[in-house]
Amino acid sequence: MIKAIEGSASILFVGGGTYLLFLFLHWYFIEPKNYGLIGEKTVEKYGIWFFAIVSILLTEIVWFSLQKEAMMAFEAVIGSTTFFITHGFKTNAEEQEKKLKKEG
């Protein structure tokens, strides 16, 4: 049991790490926020680059993961997919909430 957990740790870390990296970059580039640090306004101005950056990062993560173990690359793709699915559900829920507020 312990060997199975230790053997799959790197695979799980790549998936979870990819998800969390994309979540952070989405917050950093796209989410509206109050500016507190120098340069935050500039970063938000170029928020559309979020999609290009995460695409390039995913390509690099998959490339380097394939060099080590194919399942790590697959897990990176699963982490990315999980981010975009949950982000899509969140965005849709926010839009539905706005519609309901307008109707009510």
PDB file of N, CA and C in Angstrom:
ATOM      1  N   MET A   1       0.826  -1.193   0.000  1.00  0.00           N
ATOM      2  CA  MET A   1       0.000   0.000   0.000  1.00  0.00           C
ATOM      3  C   MET A   1       0.874   1.263   0.000  1.00  0.00           C
ATOM      4  N   ILE A   2       1.875   1.290   0.851  1.00  0.00           N
ATOM      5  CA  ILE A   2       2.752   2.457   0.936  1.00  0.00           C
ATOM      6  C   ILE A   2       3.531   2.626  -0.358  1.00  0.00           C
ATOM      7  N   LYS A   3       3.982   1.515  -0.955  1.00  0.00           N
ATOM      8  CA  LYS A   3       4.714   1.592  -2.215  1.00  0.00           C
ATOM      9  C   LYS A   3       3.830   2.157  -3.323  1.00  0.00           C
ATOM     10  N   ALA A   4       2.567   1.773  -3.326  1.00  0.00           N
ATOM     11  CA  ALA A   4       1.645   2.279  -4.348  1.00  0.00           C
ATOM     12  C   ALA A   4       1.448   3.778  -4.208  1.00  0.00           C
ATOM     13  N   ILE A   5       1.322   4.243  -2.985  1.00  0.00           N
ATOM     14  CA  ILE A   5       1.148   5.675  -2.735  1.00  0.00           C
ATOM     15  C   ILE A   5       2.414   6.426  -3.116  1.00  0.00           C
ATOM     16  N   GLU A   6       3.561   5.918  -2.695  1.00  0.00           N
ATOM     17  CA  GLU A   6       4.822   6.575  -3.029  1.00  0.00           C
ATOM     18  C   GLU A   6       5.085   6.559  -4.532  1.00  0.00           C
ATOM     19  N   GLY A   7       4.696   5.485  -5.192  1.00  0.00           N
ATOM     20  CA  GLY A   7       4.895   5.374  -6.629  1.00  0.00           C
ATOM     21  C   GLY A   7       4.019   6.308  -7.434  1.00  0.00           C
ATOM     22  N   SER A   8       2.855   6.629  -6.910  1.00  0.00           N
ATOM     23  CA  SER A   8       1.935   7.504  -7.645  1.00  0.00           C
ATOM     24  C   SER A   8       2.029   8.959  -7.201  1.00  0.00           C
ATOM     25  N   ALA A   9       2.863   9.263  -6.231  1.00  0.00           N
ATOM     26  CA  ALA A   9       2.948  10.635  -5.707  1.00  0.00           C
ATOM     27  C   ALA A   9       3.354  11.631  -6.775  1.00  0.00           C
ATOM     28  N   SER A  10       4.355  11.322  -7.566  1.00  0.00           N
ATOM     29  CA  SER A  10       4.803  12.273  -8.594  1.00  0.00           C
ATOM     30  C   SER A  10       3.717  12.518  -9.627  1.00  0.00           C
ATOM     31  N   ILE A  11       2.966  11.481  -9.961  1.00  0.00           N
ATOM     32  CA  ILE A  11       1.880  11.626 -10.937  1.00  0.00           C
ATOM     33  C   ILE A  11       0.799  12.547 -10.380  1.00  0.00           C
ATOM     34  N   LEU A  12       0.441  12.329  -9.117  1.00  0.00           N
ATOM     35  CA  LEU A  12      -0.595  13.169  -8.497  1.00  0.00           C
ATOM     36  C   LEU A  12      -0.118  14.604  -8.316  1.00  0.00           C
ATOM     37  N   PHE A  13       1.147  14.779  -7.984  1.00  0.00           N
ATOM     38  CA  PHE A  13       1.694  16.126  -7.812  1.00  0.00           C
ATOM     39  C   PHE A  13       1.661  16.910  -9.114  1.00  0.00           C
ATOM     40  N   VAL A  14       1.940  16.270 -10.223  1.00  0.00           N
ATOM     41  CA  VAL A  14       1.929  16.961 -11.519  1.00  0.00           C
ATOM     42  C   VAL A  14       0.506  17.420 -11.849  1.00  0.00           C
ATOM     43  N   GLY A  15      -0.476  16.572 -11.641  1.00  0.00           N
ATOM     44  CA  GLY A  15      -1.875  16.951 -11.927  1.00  0.00           C
ATOM     45  C   GLY A  15      -2.352  18.076 -11.027  1.00  0.00           C
ATOM     46  N   GLY A  16      -2.138  17.910  -9.729  1.00  0.00           N
ATOM     47  CA  GLY A  16      -2.555  18.944  -8.783  1.00  0.00           C
ATOM     48  C   GLY A  16      -1.774  20.231  -8.969  1.00  0.00           C
ATOM     49  N   GLY A  17      -0.482  20.100  -9.243  1.00  0.00           N
ATOM     50  CA  GLY A  17       0.350  21.278  -9.457  1.00  0.00           C
ATOM     51  C   GLY A  17      -0.064  22.054 -10.694  1.00  0.00           C
ATOM     52  N   THR A  18      -0.393  21.338 -11.755  1.00  0.00           N
ATOM     53  CA  THR A  18      -0.859  22.004 -12.983  1.00  0.00           C
ATOM     54  C   THR A  18      -2.150  22.753 -12.718  1.00  0.00           C
ATOM     55  N   TYR A  19      -3.083  22.103 -12.033  1.00  0.00           N
ATOM     56  CA  TYR A  19      -4.350  22.757 -11.698  1.00  0.00           C
ATOM     57  C   TYR A  19      -4.110  24.030 -10.882  1.00  0.00           C
ATOM     58  N   LEU A  20      -3.297  23.920  -9.842  1.00  0.00           N
ATOM     59  CA  LEU A  20      -3.053  25.076  -8.974  1.00  0.00           C
ATOM     60  C   LEU A  20      -2.272  26.181  -9.685  1.00  0.00           C
ATOM     61  N   LEU A  21      -1.340  25.816 -10.552  1.00  0.00           N
ATOM     62  CA  LEU A  21      -0.603  26.804 -11.331  1.00  0.00           C
ATOM     63  C   LEU A  21      -1.551  27.581 -12.250  1.00  0.00           C
ATOM     64  N   PHE A  22      -2.443  26.879 -12.922  1.00  0.00           N
ATOM     65  CA  PHE A  22      -3.409  27.539 -13.805  1.00  0.00           C
ATOM     66  C   PHE A  22      -4.357  28.415 -12.996  1.00  0.00           C
ATOM     67  N   LEU A  23      -4.768  27.944 -11.833  1.00  0.00           N
ATOM     68  CA  LEU A  23      -5.655  28.726 -10.973  1.00  0.00           C
ATOM     69  C   LEU A  23      -4.975  30.022 -10.545  1.00  0.00           C
ATOM     70  N   PHE A  24      -3.706  29.933 -10.138  1.00  0.00           N
ATOM     71  CA  PHE A  24      -2.969  31.132  -9.743  1.00  0.00           C
ATOM     72  C   PHE A  24      -2.824  32.094 -10.918  1.00  0.00           C
ATOM     73  N   LEU A  25      -2.422  31.588 -12.076  1.00  0.00           N
ATOM     74  CA  LEU A  25      -2.233  32.462 -13.236  1.00  0.00           C
ATOM     75  C   LEU A  25      -3.544  33.107 -13.676  1.00  0.00           C
ATOM     76  N   HIS A  26      -4.634  32.371 -13.560  1.00  0.00           N
ATOM     77  CA  HIS A  26      -5.939  32.957 -13.890  1.00  0.00           C
ATOM     78  C   HIS A  26      -6.243  34.105 -12.945  1.00  0.00           C
ATOM     79  N   TRP A  27      -6.036  33.888 -11.667  1.00  0.00           N
ATOM     80  CA  TRP A  27      -6.264  34.962 -10.700  1.00  0.00           C
ATOM     81  C   TRP A  27      -5.345  36.142 -11.008  1.00  0.00           C
ATOM     82  N   TYR A  28      -4.075  35.858 -11.273  1.00  0.00           N
ATOM     83  CA  TYR A  28      -3.084  36.915 -11.482  1.00  0.00           C
ATOM     84  C   TYR A  28      -3.377  37.744 -12.730  1.00  0.00           C
ATOM     85  N   PHE A  29      -3.791  37.099 -13.803  1.00  0.00           N
ATOM     86  CA  PHE A  29      -3.991  37.813 -15.068  1.00  0.00           C
ATOM     87  C   PHE A  29      -5.420  38.291 -15.297  1.00  0.00           C
ATOM     88  N   ILE A  30      -6.415  37.575 -14.817  1.00  0.00           N
ATOM     89  CA  ILE A  30      -7.784  37.846 -15.260  1.00  0.00           C
ATOM     90  C   ILE A  30      -8.718  38.351 -14.162  1.00  0.00           C
ATOM     91  N   GLU A  31      -8.653  37.787 -12.978  1.00  0.00           N
ATOM     92  CA  GLU A  31      -9.602  38.168 -11.930  1.00  0.00           C
ATOM     93  C   GLU A  31      -9.480  39.648 -11.579  1.00  0.00           C
ATOM     94  N   PRO A  32     -10.620  40.343 -11.461  1.00  0.00           N
ATOM     95  CA  PRO A  32     -10.557  41.749 -11.038  1.00  0.00           C
ATOM     96  C   PRO A  32     -10.085  41.826  -9.588  1.00  0.00           C
ATOM     97  N   LYS A  33      -9.254  42.826  -9.315  1.00  0.00           N
ATOM     98  CA  LYS A  33      -8.723  42.953  -7.953  1.00  0.00           C
ATOM     99  C   LYS A  33      -8.376  44.396  -7.653  1.00  0.00           C
ATOM    100  N   ASN A  34      -8.202  44.687  -6.391  1.00  0.00           N
ATOM    101  CA  ASN A  34      -7.701  45.993  -5.970  1.00  0.00           C
ATOM    102  C   ASN A  34      -6.186  45.952  -6.073  1.00  0.00           C
ATOM    103  N   TYR A  35      -5.603  46.958  -6.686  1.00  0.00           N
ATOM    104  CA  TYR A  35      -4.173  46.964  -6.910  1.00  0.00           C
ATOM    105  C   TYR A  35      -3.435  47.357  -5.632  1.00  0.00           C
ATOM    106  N   GLY A  36      -2.467  46.545  -5.261  1.00  0.00           N
ATOM    107  CA  GLY A  36      -1.676  46.828  -4.085  1.00  0.00           C
ATOM    108  C   GLY A  36      -0.187  46.784  -4.348  1.00  0.00           C
ATOM    109  N   LEU A  37       0.180  46.126  -5.425  1.00  0.00           N
ATOM    110  CA  LEU A  37       1.590  45.985  -5.751  1.00  0.00           C
ATOM    111  C   LEU A  37       1.899  46.690  -7.065  1.00  0.00           C
ATOM    112  N   ILE A  38       3.111  47.128  -7.191  1.00  0.00           N
ATOM    113  CA  ILE A  38       3.544  47.775  -8.424  1.00  0.00           C
ATOM    114  C   ILE A  38       3.482  46.761  -9.563  1.00  0.00           C
ATOM    115  N   GLY A  39       2.901  47.157 -10.662  1.00  0.00           N
ATOM    116  CA  GLY A  39       2.853  46.305 -11.832  1.00  0.00           C
ATOM    117  C   GLY A  39       1.579  45.493 -11.994  1.00  0.00           C
ATOM    118  N   GLU A  40       0.730  45.423 -10.967  1.00  0.00           N
ATOM    119  CA  GLU A  40      -0.492  44.624 -11.071  1.00  0.00           C
ATOM    120  C   GLU A  40      -1.438  45.157 -12.137  1.00  0.00           C
ATOM    121  N   LYS A  41      -1.526  46.454 -12.253  1.00  0.00           N
ATOM    122  CA  LYS A  41      -2.417  47.036 -13.254  1.00  0.00           C
ATOM    123  C   LYS A  41      -1.936  46.679 -14.663  1.00  0.00           C
ATOM    124  N   THR A  42      -0.637  46.687 -14.871  1.00  0.00           N
ATOM    125  CA  THR A  42      -0.070  46.332 -16.171  1.00  0.00           C
ATOM    126  C   THR A  42      -0.341  44.866 -16.491  1.00  0.00           C
ATOM    127  N   VAL A  43      -0.176  44.000 -15.503  1.00  0.00           N
ATOM    128  CA  VAL A  43      -0.410  42.570 -15.709  1.00  0.00           C
ATOM    129  C   VAL A  43      -1.863  42.329 -16.092  1.00  0.00           C
ATOM    130  N   GLU A  44      -2.800  42.982 -15.402  1.00  0.00           N
ATOM    131  CA  GLU A  44      -4.216  42.791 -15.718  1.00  0.00           C
ATOM    132  C   GLU A  44      -4.543  43.325 -17.115  1.00  0.00           C
ATOM    133  N   LYS A  45      -3.848  44.377 -17.528  1.00  0.00           N
ATOM    134  CA  LYS A  45      -4.060  44.951 -18.859  1.00  0.00           C
ATOM    135  C   LYS A  45      -3.759  43.929 -19.955  1.00  0.00           C
ATOM    136  N   TYR A  46      -2.797  43.063 -19.698  1.00  0.00           N
ATOM    137  CA  TYR A  46      -2.419  42.033 -20.666  1.00  0.00           C
ATOM    138  C   TYR A  46      -3.000  40.670 -20.302  1.00  0.00           C
ATOM    139  N   GLY A  47      -4.156  40.664 -19.664  1.00  0.00           N
ATOM    140  CA  GLY A  47      -4.791  39.438 -19.193  1.00  0.00           C
ATOM    141  C   GLY A  47      -5.110  38.436 -20.280  1.00  0.00           C
ATOM    142  N   ILE A  48      -5.338  38.905 -21.495  1.00  0.00           N
ATOM    143  CA  ILE A  48      -5.662  37.987 -22.582  1.00  0.00           C
ATOM    144  C   ILE A  48      -4.519  37.013 -22.840  1.00  0.00           C
ATOM    145  N   TRP A  49      -3.314  37.375 -22.441  1.00  0.00           N
ATOM    146  CA  TRP A  49      -2.158  36.510 -22.616  1.00  0.00           C
ATOM    147  C   TRP A  49      -2.206  35.284 -21.707  1.00  0.00           C
ATOM    148  N   PHE A  50      -3.137  35.272 -20.759  1.00  0.00           N
ATOM    149  CA  PHE A  50      -3.283  34.122 -19.862  1.00  0.00           C
ATOM    150  C   PHE A  50      -3.393  32.830 -20.659  1.00  0.00           C
ATOM    151  N   PHE A  51      -4.236  32.826 -21.682  1.00  0.00           N
ATOM    152  CA  PHE A  51      -4.483  31.603 -22.442  1.00  0.00           C
ATOM    153  C   PHE A  51      -3.248  31.155 -23.213  1.00  0.00           C
ATOM    154  N   ALA A  52      -2.499  32.091 -23.738  1.00  0.00           N
ATOM    155  CA  ALA A  52      -1.260  31.738 -24.438  1.00  0.00           C
ATOM    156  C   ALA A  52      -0.227  31.187 -23.454  1.00  0.00           C
ATOM    157  N   ILE A  53      -0.124  31.837 -22.294  1.00  0.00           N
ATOM    158  CA  ILE A  53       0.872  31.417 -21.302  1.00  0.00           C
ATOM    159  C   ILE A  53       0.576  30.017 -20.784  1.00  0.00           C
ATOM    160  N   VAL A  54      -0.678  29.739 -20.427  1.00  0.00           N
ATOM    161  CA  VAL A  54      -0.977  28.410 -19.892  1.00  0.00           C
ATOM    162  C   VAL A  54      -0.861  27.340 -20.977  1.00  0.00           C
ATOM    163  N   SER A  55      -1.134  27.685 -22.215  1.00  0.00           N
ATOM    164  CA  SER A  55      -0.960  26.716 -23.305  1.00  0.00           C
ATOM    165  C   SER A  55       0.513  26.355 -23.466  1.00  0.00           C
ATOM    166  N   ILE A  56       1.365  27.354 -23.430  1.00  0.00           N
ATOM    167  CA  ILE A  56       2.806  27.107 -23.544  1.00  0.00           C
ATOM    168  C   ILE A  56       3.308  26.324 -22.332  1.00  0.00           C
ATOM    169  N   LEU A  57       2.849  26.708 -21.143  1.00  0.00           N
ATOM    170  CA  LEU A  57       3.256  25.985 -19.929  1.00  0.00           C
ATOM    171  C   LEU A  57       2.814  24.526 -19.975  1.00  0.00           C
ATOM    172  N   LEU A  58       1.584  24.280 -20.419  1.00  0.00           N
ATOM    173  CA  LEU A  58       1.104  22.900 -20.498  1.00  0.00           C
ATOM    174  C   LEU A  58       1.946  22.098 -21.483  1.00  0.00           C
ATOM    175  N   THR A  59       2.296  22.706 -22.605  1.00  0.00           N
ATOM    176  CA  THR A  59       3.151  22.028 -23.579  1.00  0.00           C
ATOM    177  C   THR A  59       4.491  21.662 -22.961  1.00  0.00           C
ATOM    178  N   GLU A  60       5.089  22.598 -22.227  1.00  0.00           N
ATOM    179  CA  GLU A  60       6.378  22.319 -21.584  1.00  0.00           C
ATOM    180  C   GLU A  60       6.261  21.260 -20.492  1.00  0.00           C
ATOM    181  N   ILE A  61       5.211  21.350 -19.680  1.00  0.00           N
ATOM    182  CA  ILE A  61       5.017  20.362 -18.607  1.00  0.00           C
ATOM    183  C   ILE A  61       4.858  18.973 -19.207  1.00  0.00           C
ATOM    184  N   VAL A  62       4.051  18.859 -20.252  1.00  0.00           N
ATOM    185  CA  VAL A  62       3.842  17.559 -20.893  1.00  0.00           C
ATOM    186  C   VAL A  62       5.146  17.055 -21.513  1.00  0.00           C
ATOM    187  N   TRP A  63       5.875  17.937 -22.182  1.00  0.00           N
ATOM    188  CA  TRP A  63       7.137  17.526 -22.814  1.00  0.00           C
ATOM    189  C   TRP A  63       8.117  16.968 -21.785  1.00  0.00           C
ATOM    190  N   PHE A  64       8.330  17.691 -20.699  1.00  0.00           N
ATOM    191  CA  PHE A  64       9.280  17.231 -19.691  1.00  0.00           C
ATOM    192  C   PHE A  64       8.756  16.013 -18.933  1.00  0.00           C
ATOM    193  N   SER A  65       7.451  15.932 -18.760  1.00  0.00           N
ATOM    194  CA  SER A  65       6.874  14.758 -18.096  1.00  0.00           C
ATOM    195  C   SER A  65       7.035  13.507 -18.953  1.00  0.00           C
ATOM    196  N   LEU A  66       6.889  13.654 -20.256  1.00  0.00           N
ATOM    197  CA  LEU A  66       7.065  12.499 -21.148  1.00  0.00           C
ATOM    198  C   LEU A  66       8.485  11.940 -21.077  1.00  0.00           C
ATOM    199  N   GLN A  67       9.446  12.806 -20.785  1.00  0.00           N
ATOM    200  CA  GLN A  67      10.825  12.357 -20.662  1.00  0.00           C
ATOM    201  C   GLN A  67      11.003  11.460 -19.436  1.00  0.00           C
ATOM    202  N   LYS A  68      10.171  11.669 -18.428  1.00  0.00           N
ATOM    203  CA  LYS A  68      10.298  10.912 -17.179  1.00  0.00           C
ATOM    204  C   LYS A  68       9.320   9.746 -17.137  1.00  0.00           C
ATOM    205  N   GLU A  69       8.026  10.038 -17.338  1.00  0.00           N
ATOM    206  CA  GLU A  69       6.999   8.996 -17.252  1.00  0.00           C
ATOM    207  C   GLU A  69       5.735   9.479 -17.967  1.00  0.00           C
ATOM    208  N   ALA A  70       5.200   8.655 -18.831  1.00  0.00           N
ATOM    209  CA  ALA A  70       4.034   9.035 -19.645  1.00  0.00           C
ATOM    210  C   ALA A  70       2.815   9.372 -18.777  1.00  0.00           C
ATOM    211  N   MET A  71       2.640   8.669 -17.671  1.00  0.00           N
ATOM    212  CA  MET A  71       1.481   8.945 -16.811  1.00  0.00           C
ATOM    213  C   MET A  71       1.551  10.334 -16.192  1.00  0.00           C
ATOM    214  N   MET A  72       2.749  10.857 -15.977  1.00  0.00           N
ATOM    215  CA  MET A  72       2.875  12.216 -15.448  1.00  0.00           C
ATOM    216  C   MET A  72       2.344  13.216 -16.469  1.00  0.00           C
ATOM    217  N   ALA A  73       2.648  12.997 -17.743  1.00  0.00           N
ATOM    218  CA  ALA A  73       2.151  13.883 -18.792  1.00  0.00           C
ATOM    219  C   ALA A  73       0.639  13.814 -18.868  1.00  0.00           C
ATOM    220  N   PHE A  74       0.102  12.606 -18.788  1.00  0.00           N
ATOM    221  CA  PHE A  74      -1.352  12.440 -18.818  1.00  0.00           C
ATOM    222  C   PHE A  74      -2.002  13.156 -17.641  1.00  0.00           C
ATOM    223  N   GLU A  75      -1.406  13.061 -16.478  1.00  0.00           N
ATOM    224  CA  GLU A  75      -1.949  13.714 -15.284  1.00  0.00           C
ATOM    225  C   GLU A  75      -1.884  15.233 -15.407  1.00  0.00           C
ATOM    226  N   ALA A  76      -0.851  15.750 -16.064  1.00  0.00           N
ATOM    227  CA  ALA A  76      -0.777  17.201 -16.298  1.00  0.00           C
ATOM    228  C   ALA A  76      -1.950  17.657 -17.158  1.00  0.00           C
ATOM    229  N   VAL A  77      -2.283  16.862 -18.155  1.00  0.00           N
ATOM    230  CA  VAL A  77      -3.429  17.183 -19.011  1.00  0.00           C
ATOM    231  C   VAL A  77      -4.727  17.090 -18.213  1.00  0.00           C
ATOM    232  N   ILE A  78      -4.830  16.115 -17.338  1.00  0.00           N
ATOM    233  CA  ILE A  78      -6.017  16.007 -16.485  1.00  0.00           C
ATOM    234  C   ILE A  78      -6.126  17.223 -15.560  1.00  0.00           C
ATOM    235  N   GLY A  79      -5.013  17.677 -14.991  1.00  0.00           N
ATOM    236  CA  GLY A  79      -5.027  18.878 -14.145  1.00  0.00           C
ATOM    237  C   GLY A  79      -5.486  20.094 -14.919  1.00  0.00           C
ATOM    238  N   SER A  80      -5.004  20.238 -16.152  1.00  0.00           N
ATOM    239  CA  SER A  80      -5.419  21.349 -17.014  1.00  0.00           C
ATOM    240  C   SER A  80      -6.901  21.257 -17.346  1.00  0.00           C
ATOM    241  N   THR A  81      -7.328  20.076 -17.712  1.00  0.00           N
ATOM    242  CA  THR A  81      -8.744  19.864 -18.052  1.00  0.00           C
ATOM    243  C   THR A  81      -9.639  20.162 -16.856  1.00  0.00           C
ATOM    244  N   THR A  82      -9.227  19.720 -15.686  1.00  0.00           N
ATOM    245  CA  THR A  82     -10.004  19.981 -14.466  1.00  0.00           C
ATOM    246  C   THR A  82     -10.129  21.477 -14.214  1.00  0.00           C
ATOM    247  N   PHE A  83      -9.041  22.215 -14.423  1.00  0.00           N
ATOM    248  CA  PHE A  83      -9.109  23.661 -14.235  1.00  0.00           C
ATOM    249  C   PHE A  83     -10.137  24.277 -15.177  1.00  0.00           C
ATOM    250  N   PHE A  84     -10.061  23.943 -16.459  1.00  0.00           N
ATOM    251  CA  PHE A  84     -10.956  24.582 -17.422  1.00  0.00           C
ATOM    252  C   PHE A  84     -12.411  24.163 -17.236  1.00  0.00           C
ATOM    253  N   ILE A  85     -12.655  22.931 -16.810  1.00  0.00           N
ATOM    254  CA  ILE A  85     -14.032  22.503 -16.531  1.00  0.00           C
ATOM    255  C   ILE A  85     -14.592  23.266 -15.330  1.00  0.00           C
ATOM    256  N   THR A  86     -13.825  23.310 -14.227  1.00  0.00           N
ATOM    257  CA  THR A  86     -14.328  24.016 -13.040  1.00  0.00           C
ATOM    258  C   THR A  86     -14.463  25.511 -13.303  1.00  0.00           C
ATOM    259  N   HIS A  87     -13.531  26.068 -14.085  1.00  0.00           N
ATOM    260  CA  HIS A  87     -13.632  27.489 -14.433  1.00  0.00           C
ATOM    261  C   HIS A  87     -14.877  27.743 -15.284  1.00  0.00           C
ATOM    262  N   GLY A  88     -15.172  26.854 -16.205  1.00  0.00           N
ATOM    263  CA  GLY A  88     -16.367  26.990 -17.032  1.00  0.00           C
ATOM    264  C   GLY A  88     -17.645  26.931 -16.206  1.00  0.00           C
ATOM    265  N   PHE A  89     -17.711  25.981 -15.260  1.00  0.00           N
ATOM    266  CA  PHE A  89     -18.882  25.894 -14.379  1.00  0.00           C
ATOM    267  C   PHE A  89     -19.024  27.162 -13.536  1.00  0.00           C
ATOM    268  N   LYS A  90     -17.908  27.675 -13.026  1.00  0.00           N
ATOM    269  CA  LYS A  90     -17.947  28.887 -12.205  1.00  0.00           C
ATOM    270  C   LYS A  90     -18.451  30.078 -13.023  1.00  0.00           C
ATOM    271  N   THR A  91     -17.915  30.225 -14.221  1.00  0.00           N
ATOM    272  CA  THR A  91     -18.323  31.333 -15.090  1.00  0.00           C
ATOM    273  C   THR A  91     -19.802  31.230 -15.443  1.00  0.00           C
ATOM    274  N   ASN A  92     -20.248  30.037 -15.767  1.00  0.00           N
ATOM    275  CA  ASN A  92     -21.656  29.839 -16.096  1.00  0.00           C
ATOM    276  C   ASN A  92     -22.556  30.144 -14.904  1.00  0.00           C
ATOM    277  N   ALA A  93     -22.148  29.719 -13.713  1.00  0.00           N
ATOM    278  CA  ALA A  93     -22.939  29.991 -12.513  1.00  0.00           C
ATOM    279  C   ALA A  93     -23.033  31.490 -12.241  1.00  0.00           C
ATOM    280  N   GLU A  94     -21.937  32.216 -12.452  1.00  0.00           N
ATOM    281  CA  GLU A  94     -21.953  33.666 -12.254  1.00  0.00           C
ATOM    282  C   GLU A  94     -22.896  34.347 -13.246  1.00  0.00           C
ATOM    283  N   GLU A  95     -22.889  33.897 -14.497  1.00  0.00           N
ATOM    284  CA  GLU A  95     -23.781  34.472 -15.511  1.00  0.00           C
ATOM    285  C   GLU A  95     -25.242  34.179 -15.186  1.00  0.00           C
ATOM    286  N   GLN A  96     -25.534  32.968 -14.739  1.00  0.00           N
ATOM    287  CA  GLN A  96     -26.909  32.613 -14.363  1.00  0.00           C
ATOM    288  C   GLN A  96     -27.378  33.436 -13.165  1.00  0.00           C
ATOM    289  N   GLU A  97     -26.477  33.670 -12.226  1.00  0.00           N
ATOM    290  CA  GLU A  97     -26.807  34.494 -11.065  1.00  0.00           C
ATOM    291  C   GLU A  97     -27.168  35.924 -11.488  1.00  0.00           C
ATOM    292  N   LYS A  98     -26.406  36.470 -12.418  1.00  0.00           N
ATOM    293  CA  LYS A  98     -26.680  37.827 -12.932  1.00  0.00           C
ATOM    294  C   LYS A  98     -28.034  37.872 -13.610  1.00  0.00           C
ATOM    295  N   LYS A  99     -28.373  36.862 -14.398  1.00  0.00           N
ATOM    296  CA  LYS A  99     -29.679  36.802 -15.067  1.00  0.00           C
ATOM    297  C   LYS A  99     -30.802  36.759 -14.058  1.00  0.00           C
ATOM    298  N   LEU A 100     -30.628  35.922 -13.023  1.00  0.00           N
ATOM    299  CA  LEU A 100     -31.670  35.804 -12.003  1.00  0.00           C
ATOM    300  C   LEU A 100     -31.867  37.108 -11.247  1.00  0.00           C
ATOM    301  N   LYS A 101     -30.784  37.840 -10.992  1.00  0.00           N
ATOM    302  CA  LYS A 101     -30.899  39.106 -10.292  1.00  0.00           C
ATOM    303  C   LYS A 101     -31.629  40.136 -11.133  1.00  0.00           C
ATOM    304  N   LYS A 102     -31.394  40.117 -12.452  1.00  0.00           N
ATOM    305  CA  LYS A 102     -32.085  41.051 -13.353  1.00  0.00           C
ATOM    306  C   LYS A 102     -33.567  40.742 -13.443  1.00  0.00           C
ATOM    307  N   GLU A 103     -33.913  39.463 -13.454  1.00  0.00           N
ATOM    308  CA  GLU A 103     -35.310  39.055 -13.553  1.00  0.00           C
ATOM    309  C   GLU A 103     -36.066  39.292 -12.255  1.00  0.00           C
ATOM    310  N   GLY A 104     -35.367  39.168 -11.131  1.00  0.00           N
ATOM    311  CA  GLY A 104     -36.021  39.237  -9.826  1.00  0.00           C
ATOM    312  C   GLY A 104     -36.145  40.565  -9.261  1.00  0.00           C
TER     313      GLY A 104
END
